[in-house]
mmCIF file of all heavy atoms, coordinates in Angstrom:
data_MODEL
# 
_entry.id   MODEL 
# 
loop_
_atom_site.group_PDB 
_atom_site.id 
_atom_site.type_symbol 
_atom_site.label_atom_id 
_atom_site.label_alt_id 
_atom_site.label_comp_id 
_atom_site.label_asym_id 
_atom_site.label_entity_id 
_atom_site.label_seq_id 
_atom_site.pdbx_PDB_ins_code 
_atom_site.Cartn_x 
_atom_site.Cartn_y 
_atom_site.Cartn_z 
_atom_site.occupancy 
_atom_site.B_iso_or_equiv 
_atom_site.pdbx_formal_charge 
_atom_site.auth_seq_id 
_atom_site.auth_comp_id 
_atom_site.auth_asym_id 
_atom_site.auth_atom_id 
_atom_site.pdbx_PDB_model_num 
ATOM 1   N N   . TYR A 1 1  ? 19.308 -87.857 -222.993 1.00 0.00 ? 1  TYR A N   1 
ATOM 2   C CA  . TYR A 1 1  ? 18.722 -86.940 -222.034 1.00 0.00 ? 1  TYR A CA  1 
ATOM 3   C C   . TYR A 1 1  ? 19.143 -85.502 -222.256 1.00 0.00 ? 1  TYR A C   1 
ATOM 4   O O   . TYR A 1 1  ? 20.290 -85.211 -222.587 1.00 0.00 ? 1  TYR A O   1 
ATOM 5   C CB  . TYR A 1 1  ? 19.114 -87.343 -220.611 1.00 0.00 ? 1  TYR A CB  1 
ATOM 6   C CG  . TYR A 1 1  ? 18.539 -88.662 -220.179 1.00 0.00 ? 1  TYR A CG  1 
ATOM 7   C CD1 . TYR A 1 1  ? 19.282 -89.832 -220.297 1.00 0.00 ? 1  TYR A CD1 1 
ATOM 8   C CD2 . TYR A 1 1  ? 17.255 -88.742 -219.658 1.00 0.00 ? 1  TYR A CD2 1 
ATOM 9   C CE1 . TYR A 1 1  ? 18.756 -91.049 -219.906 1.00 0.00 ? 1  TYR A CE1 1 
ATOM 10  C CE2 . TYR A 1 1  ? 16.729 -89.956 -219.262 1.00 0.00 ? 1  TYR A CE2 1 
ATOM 11  C CZ  . TYR A 1 1  ? 17.477 -91.102 -219.384 1.00 0.00 ? 1  TYR A CZ  1 
ATOM 12  O OH  . TYR A 1 1  ? 16.945 -92.305 -218.988 1.00 0.00 ? 1  TYR A OH  1 
ATOM 13  N N   . ALA A 1 2  ? 18.180 -84.631 -222.033 1.00 0.00 ? 2  ALA A N   1 
ATOM 14  C CA  . ALA A 1 2  ? 18.512 -83.241 -221.832 1.00 0.00 ? 2  ALA A CA  1 
ATOM 15  C C   . ALA A 1 2  ? 19.098 -83.101 -220.435 1.00 0.00 ? 2  ALA A C   1 
ATOM 16  O O   . ALA A 1 2  ? 18.703 -83.815 -219.515 1.00 0.00 ? 2  ALA A O   1 
ATOM 17  C CB  . ALA A 1 2  ? 17.269 -82.371 -221.975 1.00 0.00 ? 2  ALA A CB  1 
ATOM 18  N N   . MET A 1 3  ? 20.025 -82.189 -220.279 1.00 0.00 ? 3  MET A N   1 
ATOM 19  C CA  . MET A 1 3  ? 20.684 -82.004 -218.998 1.00 0.00 ? 3  MET A CA  1 
ATOM 20  C C   . MET A 1 3  ? 20.465 -80.589 -218.491 1.00 0.00 ? 3  MET A C   1 
ATOM 21  O O   . MET A 1 3  ? 20.463 -79.632 -219.260 1.00 0.00 ? 3  MET A O   1 
ATOM 22  C CB  . MET A 1 3  ? 22.177 -82.273 -219.110 1.00 0.00 ? 3  MET A CB  1 
ATOM 23  C CG  . MET A 1 3  ? 22.530 -83.679 -219.565 1.00 0.00 ? 3  MET A CG  1 
ATOM 24  S SD  . MET A 1 3  ? 22.025 -84.946 -218.363 1.00 0.00 ? 3  MET A SD  1 
ATOM 25  C CE  . MET A 1 3  ? 23.013 -84.486 -216.941 1.00 0.00 ? 3  MET A CE  1 
ATOM 26  N N   . GLY A 1 4  ? 20.292 -80.498 -217.198 1.00 0.00 ? 4  GLY A N   1 
ATOM 27  C CA  . GLY A 1 4  ? 20.079 -79.198 -216.597 1.00 0.00 ? 4  GLY A CA  1 
ATOM 28  C C   . GLY A 1 4  ? 20.873 -79.017 -215.320 1.00 0.00 ? 4  GLY A C   1 
ATOM 29  O O   . GLY A 1 4  ? 21.295 -79.986 -214.685 1.00 0.00 ? 4  GLY A O   1 
ATOM 30  N N   . TRP A 1 5  ? 21.082 -77.768 -214.987 1.00 0.00 ? 5  TRP A N   1 
ATOM 31  C CA  . TRP A 1 5  ? 21.653 -77.394 -213.702 1.00 0.00 ? 5  TRP A CA  1 
ATOM 32  C C   . TRP A 1 5  ? 20.614 -76.586 -212.936 1.00 0.00 ? 5  TRP A C   1 
ATOM 33  O O   . TRP A 1 5  ? 19.985 -75.677 -213.490 1.00 0.00 ? 5  TRP A O   1 
ATOM 34  C CB  . TRP A 1 5  ? 22.919 -76.556 -213.858 1.00 0.00 ? 5  TRP A CB  1 
ATOM 35  C CG  . TRP A 1 5  ? 24.128 -77.338 -214.260 1.00 0.00 ? 5  TRP A CG  1 
ATOM 36  C CD1 . TRP A 1 5  ? 24.624 -77.506 -215.513 1.00 0.00 ? 5  TRP A CD1 1 
ATOM 37  C CD2 . TRP A 1 5  ? 25.000 -78.061 -213.390 1.00 0.00 ? 5  TRP A CD2 1 
ATOM 38  N NE1 . TRP A 1 5  ? 25.753 -78.282 -215.490 1.00 0.00 ? 5  TRP A NE1 1 
ATOM 39  C CE2 . TRP A 1 5  ? 26.010 -78.637 -214.184 1.00 0.00 ? 5  TRP A CE2 1 
ATOM 40  C CE3 . TRP A 1 5  ? 25.033 -78.277 -212.000 1.00 0.00 ? 5  TRP A CE3 1 
ATOM 41  C CZ2 . TRP A 1 5  ? 27.034 -79.415 -213.646 1.00 0.00 ? 5  TRP A CZ2 1 
ATOM 42  C CZ3 . TRP A 1 5  ? 26.048 -79.056 -211.472 1.00 0.00 ? 5  TRP A CZ3 1 
ATOM 43  C CH2 . TRP A 1 5  ? 27.034 -79.608 -212.299 1.00 0.00 ? 5  TRP A CH2 1 
ATOM 44  N N   . PHE A 1 6  ? 20.462 -76.925 -211.683 1.00 0.00 ? 6  PHE A N   1 
ATOM 45  C CA  . PHE A 1 6  ? 19.543 -76.243 -210.794 1.00 0.00 ? 6  PHE A CA  1 
ATOM 46  C C   . PHE A 1 6  ? 20.284 -75.874 -209.519 1.00 0.00 ? 6  PHE A C   1 
ATOM 47  O O   . PHE A 1 6  ? 21.337 -76.426 -209.219 1.00 0.00 ? 6  PHE A O   1 
ATOM 48  C CB  . PHE A 1 6  ? 18.343 -77.126 -210.461 1.00 0.00 ? 6  PHE A CB  1 
ATOM 49  C CG  . PHE A 1 6  ? 17.488 -77.463 -211.652 1.00 0.00 ? 6  PHE A CG  1 
ATOM 50  C CD1 . PHE A 1 6  ? 17.859 -78.447 -212.546 1.00 0.00 ? 6  PHE A CD1 1 
ATOM 51  C CD2 . PHE A 1 6  ? 16.298 -76.783 -211.874 1.00 0.00 ? 6  PHE A CD2 1 
ATOM 52  C CE1 . PHE A 1 6  ? 17.077 -78.761 -213.643 1.00 0.00 ? 6  PHE A CE1 1 
ATOM 53  C CE2 . PHE A 1 6  ? 15.498 -77.085 -212.964 1.00 0.00 ? 6  PHE A CE2 1 
ATOM 54  C CZ  . PHE A 1 6  ? 15.893 -78.069 -213.851 1.00 0.00 ? 6  PHE A CZ  1 
ATOM 55  N N   . ARG A 1 7  ? 19.713 -74.959 -208.775 1.00 0.00 ? 7  ARG A N   1 
ATOM 56  C CA  . ARG A 1 7  ? 20.306 -74.608 -207.497 1.00 0.00 ? 7  ARG A CA  1 
ATOM 57  C C   . ARG A 1 7  ? 19.218 -74.386 -206.465 1.00 0.00 ? 7  ARG A C   1 
ATOM 58  O O   . ARG A 1 7  ? 18.082 -74.068 -206.782 1.00 0.00 ? 7  ARG A O   1 
ATOM 59  C CB  . ARG A 1 7  ? 21.198 -73.369 -207.611 1.00 0.00 ? 7  ARG A CB  1 
ATOM 60  C CG  . ARG A 1 7  ? 20.480 -72.097 -208.017 1.00 0.00 ? 7  ARG A CG  1 
ATOM 61  C CD  . ARG A 1 7  ? 21.490 -70.998 -208.314 1.00 0.00 ? 7  ARG A CD  1 
ATOM 62  N NE  . ARG A 1 7  ? 20.844 -69.747 -208.677 1.00 0.00 ? 7  ARG A NE  1 
ATOM 63  C CZ  . ARG A 1 7  ? 21.489 -68.676 -209.128 1.00 0.00 ? 7  ARG A CZ  1 
ATOM 64  N NH1 . ARG A 1 7  ? 22.814 -68.708 -209.266 1.00 0.00 ? 7  ARG A NH1 1 
ATOM 65  N NH2 . ARG A 1 7  ? 20.807 -67.573 -209.433 1.00 0.00 ? 7  ARG A NH2 1 
ATOM 66  N N   . GLN A 1 8  ? 19.615 -74.538 -205.217 1.00 0.00 ? 8  GLN A N   1 
ATOM 67  C CA  . GLN A 1 8  ? 18.650 -74.427 -204.145 1.00 0.00 ? 8  GLN A CA  1 
ATOM 68  C C   . GLN A 1 8  ? 19.326 -73.902 -202.886 1.00 0.00 ? 8  GLN A C   1 
ATOM 69  O O   . GLN A 1 8  ? 20.431 -74.315 -202.537 1.00 0.00 ? 8  GLN A O   1 
ATOM 70  C CB  . GLN A 1 8  ? 17.998 -75.773 -203.860 1.00 0.00 ? 8  GLN A CB  1 
ATOM 71  C CG  . GLN A 1 8  ? 16.826 -75.721 -202.903 1.00 0.00 ? 8  GLN A CG  1 
ATOM 72  C CD  . GLN A 1 8  ? 16.047 -77.021 -202.889 1.00 0.00 ? 8  GLN A CD  1 
ATOM 73  O OE1 . GLN A 1 8  ? 16.590 -78.082 -203.165 1.00 0.00 ? 8  GLN A OE1 1 
ATOM 74  N NE2 . GLN A 1 8  ? 14.767 -76.938 -202.572 1.00 0.00 ? 8  GLN A NE2 1 
ATOM 75  N N   . VAL A 1 9  ? 18.642 -72.998 -202.219 1.00 0.00 ? 9  VAL A N   1 
ATOM 76  C CA  . VAL A 1 9  ? 19.078 -72.497 -200.922 1.00 0.00 ? 9  VAL A CA  1 
ATOM 77  C C   . VAL A 1 9  ? 18.028 -72.882 -199.900 1.00 0.00 ? 9  VAL A C   1 
ATOM 78  O O   . VAL A 1 9  ? 16.861 -73.111 -200.246 1.00 0.00 ? 9  VAL A O   1 
ATOM 79  C CB  . VAL A 1 9  ? 19.302 -70.975 -200.933 1.00 0.00 ? 9  VAL A CB  1 
ATOM 80  C CG1 . VAL A 1 9  ? 20.383 -70.606 -201.935 1.00 0.00 ? 9  VAL A CG1 1 
ATOM 81  C CG2 . VAL A 1 9  ? 18.009 -70.244 -201.278 1.00 0.00 ? 9  VAL A CG2 1 
ATOM 82  N N   . PRO A 1 10 ? 18.400 -72.958 -198.633 1.00 0.00 ? 10 PRO A N   1 
ATOM 83  C CA  . PRO A 1 10 ? 17.429 -73.355 -197.616 1.00 0.00 ? 10 PRO A CA  1 
ATOM 84  C C   . PRO A 1 10 ? 16.190 -72.477 -197.615 1.00 0.00 ? 10 PRO A C   1 
ATOM 85  O O   . PRO A 1 10 ? 16.284 -71.249 -197.686 1.00 0.00 ? 10 PRO A O   1 
ATOM 86  C CB  . PRO A 1 10 ? 18.210 -73.209 -196.308 1.00 0.00 ? 10 PRO A CB  1 
ATOM 87  C CG  . PRO A 1 10 ? 19.624 -73.417 -196.709 1.00 0.00 ? 10 PRO A CG  1 
ATOM 88  C CD  . PRO A 1 10 ? 19.746 -72.786 -198.068 1.00 0.00 ? 10 PRO A CD  1 
ATOM 89  N N   . GLY A 1 11 ? 15.041 -73.117 -197.552 1.00 0.00 ? 11 GLY A N   1 
ATOM 90  C CA  . GLY A 1 11 ? 13.788 -72.393 -197.480 1.00 0.00 ? 11 GLY A CA  1 
ATOM 91  C C   . GLY A 1 11 ? 13.238 -71.913 -198.799 1.00 0.00 ? 11 GLY A C   1 
ATOM 92  O O   . GLY A 1 11 ? 12.182 -71.267 -198.814 1.00 0.00 ? 11 GLY A O   1 
ATOM 93  N N   . LYS A 1 12 ? 13.918 -72.205 -199.894 1.00 0.00 ? 12 LYS A N   1 
ATOM 94  C CA  . LYS A 1 12 ? 13.451 -71.761 -201.197 1.00 0.00 ? 12 LYS A CA  1 
ATOM 95  C C   . LYS A 1 12 ? 13.287 -72.938 -202.143 1.00 0.00 ? 12 LYS A C   1 
ATOM 96  O O   . LYS A 1 12 ? 13.852 -74.013 -201.935 1.00 0.00 ? 12 LYS A O   1 
ATOM 97  C CB  . LYS A 1 12 ? 14.422 -70.747 -201.807 1.00 0.00 ? 12 LYS A CB  1 
ATOM 98  C CG  . LYS A 1 12 ? 14.564 -69.463 -201.010 1.00 0.00 ? 12 LYS A CG  1 
ATOM 99  C CD  . LYS A 1 12 ? 15.432 -68.451 -201.733 1.00 0.00 ? 12 LYS A CD  1 
ATOM 100 C CE  . LYS A 1 12 ? 14.773 -67.945 -202.996 1.00 0.00 ? 12 LYS A CE  1 
ATOM 101 N NZ  . LYS A 1 12 ? 15.585 -66.890 -203.670 1.00 0.00 ? 12 LYS A NZ  1 
ATOM 102 N N   . GLU A 1 13 ? 12.502 -72.693 -203.165 1.00 0.00 ? 13 GLU A N   1 
ATOM 103 C CA  . GLU A 1 13 ? 12.288 -73.708 -204.188 1.00 0.00 ? 13 GLU A CA  1 
ATOM 104 C C   . GLU A 1 13 ? 13.564 -73.930 -204.991 1.00 0.00 ? 13 GLU A C   1 
ATOM 105 O O   . GLU A 1 13 ? 14.394 -73.027 -205.129 1.00 0.00 ? 13 GLU A O   1 
ATOM 106 C CB  . GLU A 1 13 ? 11.167 -73.281 -205.130 1.00 0.00 ? 13 GLU A CB  1 
ATOM 107 C CG  . GLU A 1 13 ? 9.801  -73.147 -204.484 1.00 0.00 ? 13 GLU A CG  1 
ATOM 108 C CD  . GLU A 1 13 ? 9.146  -74.481 -204.252 1.00 0.00 ? 13 GLU A CD  1 
ATOM 109 O OE1 . GLU A 1 13 ? 9.409  -75.416 -205.037 1.00 0.00 ? 13 GLU A OE1 1 
ATOM 110 O OE2 . GLU A 1 13 ? 8.375  -74.607 -203.291 1.00 0.00 ? 13 GLU A OE2 1 
ATOM 111 N N   . ARG A 1 14 ? 13.686 -75.117 -205.495 1.00 0.00 ? 14 ARG A N   1 
ATOM 112 C CA  . ARG A 1 14 ? 14.787 -75.389 -206.396 1.00 0.00 ? 14 ARG A CA  1 
ATOM 113 C C   . ARG A 1 14 ? 14.617 -74.553 -207.658 1.00 0.00 ? 14 ARG A C   1 
ATOM 114 O O   . ARG A 1 14 ? 13.538 -74.504 -208.253 1.00 0.00 ? 14 ARG A O   1 
ATOM 115 C CB  . ARG A 1 14 ? 14.838 -76.877 -206.730 1.00 0.00 ? 14 ARG A CB  1 
ATOM 116 C CG  . ARG A 1 14 ? 16.086 -77.292 -207.479 1.00 0.00 ? 14 ARG A CG  1 
ATOM 117 C CD  . ARG A 1 14 ? 16.279 -78.804 -207.432 1.00 0.00 ? 14 ARG A CD  1 
ATOM 118 N NE  . ARG A 1 14 ? 16.500 -79.269 -206.072 1.00 0.00 ? 14 ARG A NE  1 
ATOM 119 C CZ  . ARG A 1 14 ? 16.813 -80.515 -205.760 1.00 0.00 ? 14 ARG A CZ  1 
ATOM 120 N NH1 . ARG A 1 14 ? 16.934 -81.436 -206.702 1.00 0.00 ? 14 ARG A NH1 1 
ATOM 121 N NH2 . ARG A 1 14 ? 16.993 -80.848 -204.491 1.00 0.00 ? 14 ARG A NH2 1 
ATOM 122 N N   . GLU A 1 15 ? 15.681 -73.907 -208.067 1.00 0.00 ? 15 GLU A N   1 
ATOM 123 C CA  . GLU A 1 15 ? 15.638 -72.934 -209.141 1.00 0.00 ? 15 GLU A CA  1 
ATOM 124 C C   . GLU A 1 15 ? 16.388 -73.417 -210.365 1.00 0.00 ? 15 GLU A C   1 
ATOM 125 O O   . GLU A 1 15 ? 17.521 -73.907 -210.271 1.00 0.00 ? 15 GLU A O   1 
ATOM 126 C CB  . GLU A 1 15 ? 16.250 -71.609 -208.658 1.00 0.00 ? 15 GLU A CB  1 
ATOM 127 C CG  . GLU A 1 15 ? 16.340 -70.526 -209.720 1.00 0.00 ? 15 GLU A CG  1 
ATOM 128 C CD  . GLU A 1 15 ? 17.177 -69.346 -209.281 1.00 0.00 ? 15 GLU A CD  1 
ATOM 129 O OE1 . GLU A 1 15 ? 17.986 -69.498 -208.341 1.00 0.00 ? 15 GLU A OE1 1 
ATOM 130 O OE2 . GLU A 1 15 ? 17.014 -68.258 -209.868 1.00 0.00 ? 15 GLU A OE2 1 
ATOM 131 N N   . PHE A 1 16 ? 15.769 -73.234 -211.498 1.00 0.00 ? 16 PHE A N   1 
ATOM 132 C CA  . PHE A 1 16 ? 16.434 -73.524 -212.756 1.00 0.00 ? 16 PHE A CA  1 
ATOM 133 C C   . PHE A 1 16 ? 17.583 -72.560 -212.976 1.00 0.00 ? 16 PHE A C   1 
ATOM 134 O O   . PHE A 1 16 ? 17.451 -71.355 -212.755 1.00 0.00 ? 16 PHE A O   1 
ATOM 135 C CB  . PHE A 1 16 ? 15.435 -73.407 -213.908 1.00 0.00 ? 16 PHE A CB  1 
ATOM 136 C CG  . PHE A 1 16 ? 16.074 -73.365 -215.260 1.00 0.00 ? 16 PHE A CG  1 
ATOM 137 C CD1 . PHE A 1 16 ? 16.583 -74.509 -215.845 1.00 0.00 ? 16 PHE A CD1 1 
ATOM 138 C CD2 . PHE A 1 16 ? 16.169 -72.174 -215.952 1.00 0.00 ? 16 PHE A CD2 1 
ATOM 139 C CE1 . PHE A 1 16 ? 17.182 -74.479 -217.086 1.00 0.00 ? 16 PHE A CE1 1 
ATOM 140 C CE2 . PHE A 1 16 ? 16.760 -72.124 -217.205 1.00 0.00 ? 16 PHE A CE2 1 
ATOM 141 C CZ  . PHE A 1 16 ? 17.265 -73.284 -217.765 1.00 0.00 ? 16 PHE A CZ  1 
ATOM 142 N N   . VAL A 1 17 ? 18.697 -73.076 -213.436 1.00 0.00 ? 17 VAL A N   1 
ATOM 143 C CA  . VAL A 1 17 ? 19.861 -72.259 -213.741 1.00 0.00 ? 17 VAL A CA  1 
ATOM 144 C C   . VAL A 1 17 ? 20.199 -72.306 -215.228 1.00 0.00 ? 17 VAL A C   1 
ATOM 145 O O   . VAL A 1 17 ? 20.303 -71.272 -215.887 1.00 0.00 ? 17 VAL A O   1 
ATOM 146 C CB  . VAL A 1 17 ? 21.089 -72.699 -212.928 1.00 0.00 ? 17 VAL A CB  1 
ATOM 147 C CG1 . VAL A 1 17 ? 22.318 -71.880 -213.326 1.00 0.00 ? 17 VAL A CG1 1 
ATOM 148 C CG2 . VAL A 1 17 ? 20.812 -72.561 -211.433 1.00 0.00 ? 17 VAL A CG2 1 
ATOM 149 N N   . ALA A 1 18 ? 20.360 -73.497 -215.747 1.00 0.00 ? 18 ALA A N   1 
ATOM 150 C CA  . ALA A 1 18 ? 20.744 -73.655 -217.143 1.00 0.00 ? 18 ALA A CA  1 
ATOM 151 C C   . ALA A 1 18 ? 20.381 -75.050 -217.616 1.00 0.00 ? 18 ALA A C   1 
ATOM 152 O O   . ALA A 1 18 ? 20.266 -75.981 -216.817 1.00 0.00 ? 18 ALA A O   1 
ATOM 153 C CB  . ALA A 1 18 ? 22.245 -73.415 -217.327 1.00 0.00 ? 18 ALA A CB  1 
ATOM 154 N N   . ARG A 1 19 ? 20.218 -75.196 -218.910 1.00 0.00 ? 19 ARG A N   1 
ATOM 155 C CA  . ARG A 1 19 ? 19.978 -76.510 -219.477 1.00 0.00 ? 19 ARG A CA  1 
ATOM 156 C C   . ARG A 1 19 ? 20.521 -76.573 -220.885 1.00 0.00 ? 19 ARG A C   1 
ATOM 157 O O   . ARG A 1 19 ? 20.728 -75.548 -221.535 1.00 0.00 ? 19 ARG A O   1 
ATOM 158 C CB  . ARG A 1 19 ? 18.493 -76.879 -219.457 1.00 0.00 ? 19 ARG A CB  1 
ATOM 159 C CG  . ARG A 1 19 ? 17.602 -75.977 -220.294 1.00 0.00 ? 19 ARG A CG  1 
ATOM 160 C CD  . ARG A 1 19 ? 16.147 -76.425 -220.181 1.00 0.00 ? 19 ARG A CD  1 
ATOM 161 N NE  . ARG A 1 19 ? 15.222 -75.494 -220.817 1.00 0.00 ? 19 ARG A NE  1 
ATOM 162 C CZ  . ARG A 1 19 ? 14.834 -75.563 -222.088 1.00 0.00 ? 19 ARG A CZ  1 
ATOM 163 N NH1 . ARG A 1 19 ? 15.289 -76.533 -222.887 1.00 0.00 ? 19 ARG A NH1 1 
ATOM 164 N NH2 . ARG A 1 19 ? 13.972 -74.672 -222.571 1.00 0.00 ? 19 ARG A NH2 1 
ATOM 165 N N   . VAL A 1 20 ? 20.739 -77.770 -221.331 1.00 0.00 ? 20 VAL A N   1 
ATOM 166 C CA  . VAL A 1 20 ? 21.247 -78.009 -222.665 1.00 0.00 ? 20 VAL A CA  1 
ATOM 167 C C   . VAL A 1 20 ? 20.530 -79.221 -223.237 1.00 0.00 ? 20 VAL A C   1 
ATOM 168 O O   . VAL A 1 20 ? 20.278 -80.205 -222.534 1.00 0.00 ? 20 VAL A O   1 
ATOM 169 C CB  . VAL A 1 20 ? 22.788 -78.196 -222.652 1.00 0.00 ? 20 VAL A CB  1 
ATOM 170 C CG1 . VAL A 1 20 ? 23.190 -79.361 -221.754 1.00 0.00 ? 20 VAL A CG1 1 
ATOM 171 C CG2 . VAL A 1 20 ? 23.328 -78.388 -224.060 1.00 0.00 ? 20 VAL A CG2 1 
ATOM 172 N N   . THR A 1 21 ? 20.197 -79.137 -224.501 1.00 0.00 ? 21 THR A N   1 
ATOM 173 C CA  . THR A 1 21 ? 19.518 -80.242 -225.150 1.00 0.00 ? 21 THR A CA  1 
ATOM 174 C C   . THR A 1 21 ? 20.467 -81.418 -225.337 1.00 0.00 ? 21 THR A C   1 
ATOM 175 O O   . THR A 1 21 ? 21.678 -81.302 -225.156 1.00 0.00 ? 21 THR A O   1 
ATOM 176 C CB  . THR A 1 21 ? 18.952 -79.807 -226.500 1.00 0.00 ? 21 THR A CB  1 
ATOM 177 O OG1 . THR A 1 21 ? 19.992 -79.228 -227.301 1.00 0.00 ? 21 THR A OG1 1 
ATOM 178 C CG2 . THR A 1 21 ? 17.852 -78.767 -226.308 1.00 0.00 ? 21 THR A CG2 1 
ATOM 179 N N   . TRP A 1 22 ? 19.914 -82.537 -225.713 1.00 0.00 ? 22 TRP A N   1 
ATOM 180 C CA  . TRP A 1 22 ? 20.712 -83.756 -225.811 1.00 0.00 ? 22 TRP A CA  1 
ATOM 181 C C   . TRP A 1 22 ? 21.866 -83.628 -226.795 1.00 0.00 ? 22 TRP A C   1 
ATOM 182 O O   . TRP A 1 22 ? 22.926 -84.233 -226.603 1.00 0.00 ? 22 TRP A O   1 
ATOM 183 C CB  . TRP A 1 22 ? 19.831 -84.949 -226.192 1.00 0.00 ? 22 TRP A CB  1 
ATOM 184 C CG  . TRP A 1 22 ? 19.250 -84.859 -227.584 1.00 0.00 ? 22 TRP A CG  1 
ATOM 185 C CD1 . TRP A 1 22 ? 18.047 -84.330 -227.930 1.00 0.00 ? 22 TRP A CD1 1 
ATOM 186 C CD2 . TRP A 1 22 ? 19.862 -85.316 -228.790 1.00 0.00 ? 22 TRP A CD2 1 
ATOM 187 N NE1 . TRP A 1 22 ? 17.856 -84.422 -229.280 1.00 0.00 ? 22 TRP A NE1 1 
ATOM 188 C CE2 . TRP A 1 22 ? 18.956 -85.025 -229.834 1.00 0.00 ? 22 TRP A CE2 1 
ATOM 189 C CE3 . TRP A 1 22 ? 21.073 -85.941 -229.091 1.00 0.00 ? 22 TRP A CE3 1 
ATOM 190 C CZ2 . TRP A 1 22 ? 19.236 -85.334 -231.173 1.00 0.00 ? 22 TRP A CZ2 1 
ATOM 191 C CZ3 . TRP A 1 22 ? 21.348 -86.250 -230.419 1.00 0.00 ? 22 TRP A CZ3 1 
ATOM 192 C CH2 . TRP A 1 22 ? 20.436 -85.948 -231.443 1.00 0.00 ? 22 TRP A CH2 1 
ATOM 193 N N   . SER A 1 23 ? 21.657 -82.844 -227.829 1.00 0.00 ? 23 SER A N   1 
ATOM 194 C CA  . SER A 1 23 ? 22.696 -82.667 -228.838 1.00 0.00 ? 23 SER A CA  1 
ATOM 195 C C   . SER A 1 23 ? 23.741 -81.636 -228.434 1.00 0.00 ? 23 SER A C   1 
ATOM 196 O O   . SER A 1 23 ? 24.812 -81.570 -229.033 1.00 0.00 ? 23 SER A O   1 
ATOM 197 C CB  . SER A 1 23 ? 22.068 -82.254 -230.161 1.00 0.00 ? 23 SER A CB  1 
ATOM 198 O OG  . SER A 1 23 ? 21.506 -80.961 -230.073 1.00 0.00 ? 23 SER A OG  1 
ATOM 199 N N   . GLY A 1 24 ? 23.412 -80.833 -227.451 1.00 0.00 ? 24 GLY A N   1 
ATOM 200 C CA  . GLY A 1 24 ? 24.294 -79.756 -227.051 1.00 0.00 ? 24 GLY A CA  1 
ATOM 201 C C   . GLY A 1 24 ? 24.174 -78.514 -227.903 1.00 0.00 ? 24 GLY A C   1 
ATOM 202 O O   . GLY A 1 24 ? 24.888 -77.527 -227.675 1.00 0.00 ? 24 GLY A O   1 
ATOM 203 N N   . SER A 1 25 ? 23.268 -78.530 -228.854 1.00 0.00 ? 25 SER A N   1 
ATOM 204 C CA  . SER A 1 25 ? 23.164 -77.430 -229.802 1.00 0.00 ? 25 SER A CA  1 
ATOM 205 C C   . SER A 1 25 ? 22.365 -76.248 -229.280 1.00 0.00 ? 25 SER A C   1 
ATOM 206 O O   . SER A 1 25 ? 22.493 -75.142 -229.800 1.00 0.00 ? 25 SER A O   1 
ATOM 207 C CB  . SER A 1 25 ? 22.551 -77.921 -231.111 1.00 0.00 ? 25 SER A CB  1 
ATOM 208 O OG  . SER A 1 25 ? 21.247 -78.437 -230.903 1.00 0.00 ? 25 SER A OG  1 
ATOM 209 N N   . ASN A 1 26 ? 21.548 -76.480 -228.285 1.00 0.00 ? 26 ASN A N   1 
ATOM 210 C CA  . ASN A 1 26 ? 20.716 -75.420 -227.737 1.00 0.00 ? 26 ASN A CA  1 
ATOM 211 C C   . ASN A 1 26 ? 20.914 -75.323 -226.237 1.00 0.00 ? 26 ASN A C   1 
ATOM 212 O O   . ASN A 1 26 ? 20.862 -76.330 -225.528 1.00 0.00 ? 26 ASN A O   1 
ATOM 213 C CB  . ASN A 1 26 ? 19.250 -75.662 -228.061 1.00 0.00 ? 26 ASN A CB  1 
ATOM 214 C CG  . ASN A 1 26 ? 18.966 -75.537 -229.543 1.00 0.00 ? 26 ASN A CG  1 
ATOM 215 O OD1 . ASN A 1 26 ? 19.068 -74.455 -230.108 1.00 0.00 ? 26 ASN A OD1 1 
ATOM 216 N ND2 . ASN A 1 26 ? 18.614 -76.650 -230.178 1.00 0.00 ? 26 ASN A ND2 1 
ATOM 217 N N   . LYS A 1 27 ? 21.110 -74.098 -225.794 1.00 0.00 ? 27 LYS A N   1 
ATOM 218 C CA  . LYS A 1 27 ? 21.355 -73.842 -224.382 1.00 0.00 ? 27 LYS A CA  1 
ATOM 219 C C   . LYS A 1 27 ? 20.428 -72.744 -223.893 1.00 0.00 ? 27 LYS A C   1 
ATOM 220 O O   . LYS A 1 27 ? 20.124 -71.804 -224.612 1.00 0.00 ? 27 LYS A O   1 
ATOM 221 C CB  . LYS A 1 27 ? 22.812 -73.438 -224.158 1.00 0.00 ? 27 LYS A CB  1 
ATOM 222 C CG  . LYS A 1 27 ? 23.815 -74.472 -224.650 1.00 0.00 ? 27 LYS A CG  1 
ATOM 223 C CD  . LYS A 1 27 ? 25.238 -73.954 -224.566 1.00 0.00 ? 27 LYS A CD  1 
ATOM 224 C CE  . LYS A 1 27 ? 26.220 -74.972 -225.113 1.00 0.00 ? 27 LYS A CE  1 
ATOM 225 N NZ  . LYS A 1 27 ? 27.612 -74.479 -225.065 1.00 0.00 ? 27 LYS A NZ  1 
ATOM 226 N N   . TYR A 1 28 ? 20.027 -72.871 -222.644 1.00 0.00 ? 28 TYR A N   1 
ATOM 227 C CA  . TYR A 1 28 ? 19.089 -71.931 -222.068 1.00 0.00 ? 28 TYR A CA  1 
ATOM 228 C C   . TYR A 1 28 ? 19.519 -71.607 -220.649 1.00 0.00 ? 28 TYR A C   1 
ATOM 229 O O   . TYR A 1 28 ? 20.042 -72.459 -219.934 1.00 0.00 ? 28 TYR A O   1 
ATOM 230 C CB  . TYR A 1 28 ? 17.674 -72.512 -222.075 1.00 0.00 ? 28 TYR A CB  1 
ATOM 231 C CG  . TYR A 1 28 ? 17.225 -72.948 -223.446 1.00 0.00 ? 28 TYR A CG  1 
ATOM 232 C CD1 . TYR A 1 28 ? 17.501 -74.231 -223.907 1.00 0.00 ? 28 TYR A CD1 1 
ATOM 233 C CD2 . TYR A 1 28 ? 16.533 -72.077 -224.276 1.00 0.00 ? 28 TYR A CD2 1 
ATOM 234 C CE1 . TYR A 1 28 ? 17.101 -74.634 -225.173 1.00 0.00 ? 28 TYR A CE1 1 
ATOM 235 C CE2 . TYR A 1 28 ? 16.131 -72.474 -225.537 1.00 0.00 ? 28 TYR A CE2 1 
ATOM 236 C CZ  . TYR A 1 28 ? 16.417 -73.751 -225.984 1.00 0.00 ? 28 TYR A CZ  1 
ATOM 237 O OH  . TYR A 1 28 ? 16.020 -74.149 -227.245 1.00 0.00 ? 28 TYR A OH  1 
# 
């Protein structure tokens, strides 16, 4: 799996924060 971190505050959409590919070689 690719893994991601997201965040959310009340009343707002869940927001992308960061992600990493399955190998860990690429980060966004």
